[in-house]
Amino acid sequence: MGKRESFLENRMKSVGYAFKGALLLIKTESSIKIQLAIAILVTIAGFFFKISNTEWILQFLAIGLVISIEGLNTAVEEIANFIHPEHHKKIGLIKDIAAGAVFIASVFAVIAGLFIYLPKIF
């Protein structure tokens, strides 16, 4: 029987896999690239408009939420395509629901951004 890995070794491997997955997502998904560009722009805007600590927290939570759910959406699409490569009504429904989750997160992120930036702009 082989040597069991320690808890710390397991955690380090998990972090490595997660980092690899995040890089893969950024390299391969155009929607993530667009969302990262938007994240960079609103981060620059945050410095320009000198947003408060609370506004920074809200902004980063919104960015993290949208990008994370986009990653889950991508995973759902990949699984669906693997299980049923040709078009199927039920697979289409599953993909639409996952995309809808991204849409909902994005709408609320935009609303949060409007609450942060509209008072500073006008």
N, C-alpha and C. Protein backbone atom coordinates (compact mmCIF):
# COMPACT_ATOMS: atom_id res chain seq x y z
N MET A 1 0.85 -1.17 0.00
CA MET A 1 0.00 0.00 0.00
C MET A 1 0.89 1.24 0.00
N GLY A 2 0.56 2.23 -0.84
CA GLY A 2 1.36 3.44 -0.99
C GLY A 2 1.17 4.40 0.17
N LYS A 3 2.08 5.33 0.24
CA LYS A 3 2.05 6.35 1.28
C LYS A 3 0.85 7.26 1.06
N ARG A 4 0.10 7.51 2.13
CA ARG A 4 -1.03 8.44 2.03
C ARG A 4 -0.51 9.86 2.03
N GLU A 5 -1.13 10.68 1.20
CA GLU A 5 -0.73 12.09 1.15
C GLU A 5 -1.29 12.81 2.37
N SER A 6 -0.57 13.79 2.83
CA SER A 6 -1.04 14.57 3.97
C SER A 6 -2.16 15.51 3.53
N PHE A 7 -2.85 16.02 4.51
CA PHE A 7 -3.92 16.98 4.25
C PHE A 7 -3.37 18.17 3.45
N LEU A 8 -2.21 18.67 3.88
CA LEU A 8 -1.60 19.82 3.22
C LEU A 8 -1.24 19.50 1.76
N GLU A 9 -0.70 18.32 1.52
CA GLU A 9 -0.37 17.92 0.14
C GLU A 9 -1.62 17.86 -0.72
N ASN A 10 -2.70 17.31 -0.16
CA ASN A 10 -3.98 17.26 -0.89
C ASN A 10 -4.51 18.65 -1.21
N ARG A 11 -4.42 19.56 -0.24
CA ARG A 11 -4.89 20.93 -0.45
C ARG A 11 -4.06 21.61 -1.53
N MET A 12 -2.75 21.40 -1.49
CA MET A 12 -1.86 22.02 -2.48
C MET A 12 -2.19 21.50 -3.89
N LYS A 13 -2.45 20.22 -4.00
CA LYS A 13 -2.84 19.65 -5.29
C LYS A 13 -4.16 20.25 -5.76
N SER A 14 -5.11 20.37 -4.84
CA SER A 14 -6.42 20.94 -5.19
C SER A 14 -6.28 22.37 -5.68
N VAL A 15 -5.46 23.16 -5.00
CA VAL A 15 -5.23 24.54 -5.42
C VAL A 15 -4.58 24.55 -6.80
N GLY A 16 -3.65 23.66 -7.02
CA GLY A 16 -3.00 23.56 -8.33
C GLY A 16 -3.99 23.24 -9.44
N TYR A 17 -4.89 22.29 -9.19
CA TYR A 17 -5.91 21.94 -10.19
C TYR A 17 -6.85 23.12 -10.44
N ALA A 18 -7.23 23.81 -9.36
CA ALA A 18 -8.12 24.96 -9.49
C ALA A 18 -7.46 26.08 -10.29
N PHE A 19 -6.18 26.33 -10.02
CA PHE A 19 -5.43 27.35 -10.75
C PHE A 19 -5.34 26.98 -12.22
N LYS A 20 -5.05 25.71 -12.49
CA LYS A 20 -4.99 25.22 -13.87
C LYS A 20 -6.34 25.42 -14.57
N GLY A 21 -7.43 25.12 -13.87
CA GLY A 21 -8.76 25.30 -14.43
C GLY A 21 -9.07 26.76 -14.72
N ALA A 22 -8.67 27.65 -13.82
CA ALA A 22 -8.90 29.08 -14.02
C ALA A 22 -8.12 29.57 -15.24
N LEU A 23 -6.87 29.15 -15.36
CA LEU A 23 -6.07 29.55 -16.53
C LEU A 23 -6.66 29.01 -17.83
N LEU A 24 -7.12 27.76 -17.78
CA LEU A 24 -7.75 27.16 -18.96
C LEU A 24 -9.00 27.93 -19.36
N LEU A 25 -9.78 28.32 -18.38
CA LEU A 25 -10.99 29.10 -18.63
C LEU A 25 -10.64 30.43 -19.28
N ILE A 26 -9.63 31.11 -18.76
CA ILE A 26 -9.23 32.41 -19.30
C ILE A 26 -8.66 32.27 -20.71
N LYS A 27 -7.89 31.23 -20.94
CA LYS A 27 -7.27 31.03 -22.26
C LYS A 27 -8.26 30.63 -23.33
N THR A 28 -9.30 29.87 -22.96
CA THR A 28 -10.16 29.25 -23.98
C THR A 28 -11.53 29.90 -24.15
N GLU A 29 -11.99 30.66 -23.20
CA GLU A 29 -13.36 31.18 -23.26
C GLU A 29 -13.39 32.67 -23.57
N SER A 30 -13.94 33.02 -24.72
CA SER A 30 -14.00 34.44 -25.11
C SER A 30 -14.88 35.25 -24.17
N SER A 31 -15.94 34.64 -23.65
CA SER A 31 -16.82 35.39 -22.73
C SER A 31 -16.07 35.76 -21.45
N ILE A 32 -15.20 34.89 -20.98
CA ILE A 32 -14.39 35.20 -19.79
C ILE A 32 -13.42 36.33 -20.11
N LYS A 33 -12.83 36.31 -21.30
CA LYS A 33 -11.91 37.38 -21.69
C LYS A 33 -12.62 38.72 -21.70
N ILE A 34 -13.84 38.75 -22.22
CA ILE A 34 -14.63 39.98 -22.25
C ILE A 34 -14.94 40.43 -20.82
N GLN A 35 -15.34 39.49 -19.97
CA GLN A 35 -15.67 39.84 -18.59
C GLN A 35 -14.45 40.30 -17.81
N LEU A 36 -13.29 39.72 -18.10
CA LEU A 36 -12.07 40.19 -17.45
C LEU A 36 -11.71 41.60 -17.92
N ALA A 37 -11.93 41.88 -19.20
CA ALA A 37 -11.68 43.24 -19.71
C ALA A 37 -12.60 44.24 -19.01
N ILE A 38 -13.87 43.87 -18.85
CA ILE A 38 -14.82 44.74 -18.14
C ILE A 38 -14.38 44.90 -16.68
N ALA A 39 -13.93 43.81 -16.07
CA ALA A 39 -13.46 43.87 -14.68
C ALA A 39 -12.28 44.83 -14.54
N ILE A 40 -11.37 44.79 -15.49
CA ILE A 40 -10.22 45.71 -15.47
C ILE A 40 -10.69 47.15 -15.63
N LEU A 41 -11.63 47.38 -16.56
CA LEU A 41 -12.14 48.74 -16.77
C LEU A 41 -12.83 49.30 -15.53
N VAL A 42 -13.67 48.49 -14.88
CA VAL A 42 -14.36 49.02 -13.70
C VAL A 42 -13.40 49.15 -12.52
N THR A 43 -12.34 48.35 -12.50
CA THR A 43 -11.32 48.52 -11.46
C THR A 43 -10.59 49.84 -11.66
N ILE A 44 -10.25 50.15 -12.90
CA ILE A 44 -9.63 51.45 -13.21
C ILE A 44 -10.59 52.58 -12.83
N ALA A 45 -11.88 52.40 -13.16
CA ALA A 45 -12.88 53.40 -12.80
C ALA A 45 -12.95 53.58 -11.29
N GLY A 46 -12.81 52.48 -10.55
CA GLY A 46 -12.82 52.56 -9.09
C GLY A 46 -11.72 53.46 -8.56
N PHE A 47 -10.52 53.34 -9.15
CA PHE A 47 -9.42 54.22 -8.73
C PHE A 47 -9.68 55.66 -9.16
N PHE A 48 -10.20 55.83 -10.37
CA PHE A 48 -10.47 57.17 -10.90
C PHE A 48 -11.50 57.90 -10.05
N PHE A 49 -12.57 57.19 -9.69
CA PHE A 49 -13.65 57.83 -8.92
C PHE A 49 -13.46 57.70 -7.41
N LYS A 50 -12.35 57.09 -6.99
CA LYS A 50 -12.03 56.95 -5.57
C LYS A 50 -13.21 56.36 -4.79
N ILE A 51 -13.65 55.17 -5.22
CA ILE A 51 -14.78 54.54 -4.55
C ILE A 51 -14.39 54.11 -3.13
N SER A 52 -15.39 53.97 -2.28
CA SER A 52 -15.16 53.62 -0.87
C SER A 52 -14.79 52.15 -0.73
N ASN A 53 -14.33 51.78 0.46
CA ASN A 53 -14.01 50.37 0.74
C ASN A 53 -15.22 49.47 0.53
N THR A 54 -16.38 49.92 0.98
CA THR A 54 -17.61 49.14 0.80
C THR A 54 -17.92 48.97 -0.69
N GLU A 55 -17.75 50.04 -1.45
CA GLU A 55 -18.00 49.95 -2.90
C GLU A 55 -17.00 49.01 -3.57
N TRP A 56 -15.73 49.02 -3.12
CA TRP A 56 -14.74 48.07 -3.64
C TRP A 56 -15.19 46.63 -3.38
N ILE A 57 -15.65 46.40 -2.15
CA ILE A 57 -16.10 45.05 -1.79
C ILE A 57 -17.25 44.62 -2.69
N LEU A 58 -18.25 45.49 -2.86
CA LEU A 58 -19.39 45.17 -3.72
C LEU A 58 -18.93 44.93 -5.15
N GLN A 59 -18.03 45.76 -5.63
CA GLN A 59 -17.55 45.63 -7.01
C GLN A 59 -16.82 44.29 -7.20
N PHE A 60 -15.93 43.96 -6.29
CA PHE A 60 -15.19 42.70 -6.42
C PHE A 60 -16.08 41.48 -6.24
N LEU A 61 -17.06 41.56 -5.35
CA LEU A 61 -18.02 40.46 -5.22
C LEU A 61 -18.82 40.28 -6.51
N ALA A 62 -19.23 41.38 -7.12
CA ALA A 62 -19.98 41.29 -8.38
C ALA A 62 -19.12 40.69 -9.49
N ILE A 63 -17.88 41.15 -9.59
CA ILE A 63 -16.96 40.62 -10.60
C ILE A 63 -16.73 39.12 -10.37
N GLY A 64 -16.44 38.76 -9.13
CA GLY A 64 -16.20 37.35 -8.81
C GLY A 64 -17.41 36.48 -9.07
N LEU A 65 -18.59 36.99 -8.74
CA LEU A 65 -19.82 36.24 -8.96
C LEU A 65 -20.04 35.96 -10.45
N VAL A 66 -19.93 36.99 -11.26
CA VAL A 66 -20.19 36.82 -12.70
C VAL A 66 -19.16 35.87 -13.33
N ILE A 67 -17.89 36.08 -13.02
CA ILE A 67 -16.86 35.24 -13.62
C ILE A 67 -16.97 33.80 -13.13
N SER A 68 -17.28 33.61 -11.86
CA SER A 68 -17.44 32.26 -11.32
C SER A 68 -18.61 31.53 -11.96
N ILE A 69 -19.74 32.21 -12.07
CA ILE A 69 -20.90 31.57 -12.67
C ILE A 69 -20.66 31.31 -14.15
N GLU A 70 -19.93 32.19 -14.82
CA GLU A 70 -19.57 31.93 -16.22
C GLU A 70 -18.72 30.66 -16.31
N GLY A 71 -17.82 30.46 -15.35
CA GLY A 71 -17.03 29.24 -15.33
C GLY A 71 -17.90 28.01 -15.14
N LEU A 72 -18.87 28.09 -14.24
CA LEU A 72 -19.80 26.97 -14.05
C LEU A 72 -20.63 26.73 -15.30
N ASN A 73 -21.06 27.80 -15.96
CA ASN A 73 -21.80 27.68 -17.21
C ASN A 73 -20.97 26.95 -18.26
N THR A 74 -19.70 27.30 -18.36
CA THR A 74 -18.80 26.65 -19.30
C THR A 74 -18.68 25.17 -18.97
N ALA A 75 -18.55 24.85 -17.69
CA ALA A 75 -18.44 23.45 -17.28
C ALA A 75 -19.71 22.68 -17.64
N VAL A 76 -20.88 23.28 -17.40
CA VAL A 76 -22.15 22.63 -17.76
C VAL A 76 -22.21 22.38 -19.26
N GLU A 77 -21.82 23.38 -20.05
CA GLU A 77 -21.82 23.22 -21.51
C GLU A 77 -20.88 22.10 -21.96
N GLU A 78 -19.69 22.04 -21.36
CA GLU A 78 -18.73 21.00 -21.71
C GLU A 78 -19.26 19.61 -21.37
N ILE A 79 -19.85 19.47 -20.20
CA ILE A 79 -20.43 18.19 -19.80
C ILE A 79 -21.57 17.80 -20.75
N ALA A 80 -22.44 18.77 -21.04
CA ALA A 80 -23.58 18.51 -21.92
C ALA A 80 -23.10 18.10 -23.31
N ASN A 81 -22.10 18.78 -23.83
CA ASN A 81 -21.57 18.44 -25.15
C ASN A 81 -20.91 17.07 -25.14
N PHE A 82 -20.27 16.71 -24.05
CA PHE A 82 -19.62 15.40 -23.94
C PHE A 82 -20.66 14.29 -23.89
N ILE A 83 -21.71 14.51 -23.11
CA ILE A 83 -22.75 13.49 -22.94
C ILE A 83 -23.58 13.33 -24.20
N HIS A 84 -23.90 14.44 -24.83
CA HIS A 84 -24.80 14.41 -26.00
C HIS A 84 -24.30 15.40 -27.05
N PRO A 85 -23.30 15.01 -27.86
CA PRO A 85 -22.68 15.94 -28.82
C PRO A 85 -23.65 16.53 -29.86
N GLU A 86 -24.60 15.74 -30.32
CA GLU A 86 -25.54 16.29 -31.30
C GLU A 86 -26.65 17.07 -30.58
N HIS A 87 -27.31 17.93 -31.34
CA HIS A 87 -28.35 18.77 -30.75
C HIS A 87 -29.45 17.91 -30.14
N HIS A 88 -29.83 18.28 -28.93
CA HIS A 88 -30.92 17.59 -28.23
C HIS A 88 -31.70 18.64 -27.44
N LYS A 89 -33.02 18.55 -27.51
CA LYS A 89 -33.88 19.55 -26.87
C LYS A 89 -33.59 19.70 -25.37
N LYS A 90 -33.43 18.60 -24.65
CA LYS A 90 -33.19 18.66 -23.21
C LYS A 90 -31.82 19.26 -22.90
N ILE A 91 -30.80 18.90 -23.68
CA ILE A 91 -29.46 19.47 -23.51
C ILE A 91 -29.52 20.98 -23.76
N GLY A 92 -30.27 21.38 -24.80
CA GLY A 92 -30.44 22.81 -25.08
C GLY A 92 -31.07 23.54 -23.91
N LEU A 93 -32.06 22.92 -23.28
CA LEU A 93 -32.72 23.50 -22.11
C LEU A 93 -31.72 23.67 -20.96
N ILE A 94 -30.92 22.64 -20.72
CA ILE A 94 -29.92 22.69 -19.65
C ILE A 94 -28.92 23.83 -19.90
N LYS A 95 -28.45 23.93 -21.14
CA LYS A 95 -27.49 25.00 -21.49
C LYS A 95 -28.13 26.38 -21.34
N ASP A 96 -29.39 26.50 -21.74
CA ASP A 96 -30.09 27.78 -21.62
C ASP A 96 -30.23 28.20 -20.16
N ILE A 97 -30.54 27.24 -19.30
CA ILE A 97 -30.69 27.55 -17.87
C ILE A 97 -29.35 28.01 -17.29
N ALA A 98 -28.27 27.32 -17.64
CA ALA A 98 -26.94 27.72 -17.15
C ALA A 98 -26.57 29.11 -17.66
N ALA A 99 -26.87 29.38 -18.92
CA ALA A 99 -26.60 30.71 -19.48
C ALA A 99 -27.48 31.76 -18.80
N GLY A 100 -28.70 31.38 -18.46
CA GLY A 100 -29.59 32.29 -17.74
C GLY A 100 -29.03 32.69 -16.39
N ALA A 101 -28.36 31.77 -15.72
CA ALA A 101 -27.74 32.09 -14.43
C ALA A 101 -26.66 33.16 -14.61
N VAL A 102 -25.88 33.05 -15.67
CA VAL A 102 -24.86 34.06 -15.96
C VAL A 102 -25.54 35.40 -16.24
N PHE A 103 -26.62 35.37 -17.01
CA PHE A 103 -27.34 36.59 -17.34
C PHE A 103 -27.86 37.28 -16.07
N ILE A 104 -28.46 36.50 -15.17
CA ILE A 104 -29.00 37.08 -13.93
C ILE A 104 -27.88 37.71 -13.11
N ALA A 105 -26.77 36.99 -12.95
CA ALA A 105 -25.63 37.54 -12.19
C ALA A 105 -25.12 38.82 -12.85
N SER A 106 -25.06 38.82 -14.18
CA SER A 106 -24.56 39.99 -14.91
C SER A 106 -25.48 41.20 -14.73
N VAL A 107 -26.78 40.97 -14.80
CA VAL A 107 -27.74 42.06 -14.62
C VAL A 107 -27.58 42.69 -13.24
N PHE A 108 -27.47 41.85 -12.21
CA PHE A 108 -27.32 42.38 -10.86
C PHE A 108 -25.97 43.05 -10.66
N ALA A 109 -24.94 42.56 -11.34
CA ALA A 109 -23.63 43.22 -11.28
C ALA A 109 -23.70 44.61 -11.91
N VAL A 110 -24.41 44.72 -13.02
CA VAL A 110 -24.58 46.02 -13.66
C VAL A 110 -25.35 46.96 -12.74
N ILE A 111 -26.40 46.45 -12.11
CA ILE A 111 -27.18 47.28 -11.18
C ILE A 111 -26.29 47.77 -10.03
N ALA A 112 -25.46 46.88 -9.49
CA ALA A 112 -24.53 47.28 -8.43
C ALA A 112 -23.57 48.36 -8.95
N GLY A 113 -23.08 48.18 -10.16
CA GLY A 113 -22.19 49.17 -10.77
C GLY A 113 -22.87 50.51 -10.94
N LEU A 114 -24.13 50.49 -11.33
CA LEU A 114 -24.88 51.74 -11.48
C LEU A 114 -25.03 52.45 -10.14
N PHE A 115 -25.31 51.68 -9.07
CA PHE A 115 -25.41 52.28 -7.74
C PHE A 115 -24.09 52.90 -7.32
N ILE A 116 -22.99 52.28 -7.70
CA ILE A 116 -21.68 52.80 -7.31
C ILE A 116 -21.31 54.03 -8.14
N TYR A 117 -21.49 53.96 -9.47
CA TYR A 117 -20.91 54.97 -10.34
C TYR A 117 -21.84 56.10 -10.77
N LEU A 118 -23.14 55.87 -10.88
CA LEU A 118 -24.01 56.96 -11.32
C LEU A 118 -23.93 58.19 -10.42
N PRO A 119 -23.95 58.03 -9.08
CA PRO A 119 -23.84 59.23 -8.24
C PRO A 119 -22.51 59.96 -8.43
N LYS A 120 -21.47 59.27 -8.79
CA LYS A 120 -20.16 59.89 -8.97
C LYS A 120 -20.05 60.59 -10.33
N ILE A 121 -20.79 60.08 -11.31
CA ILE A 121 -20.76 60.64 -12.65
C ILE A 121 -21.65 61.88 -12.73
N PHE A 122 -22.82 61.82 -12.05
CA PHE A 122 -23.78 62.93 -12.16
C PHE A 122 -23.82 63.78 -10.93
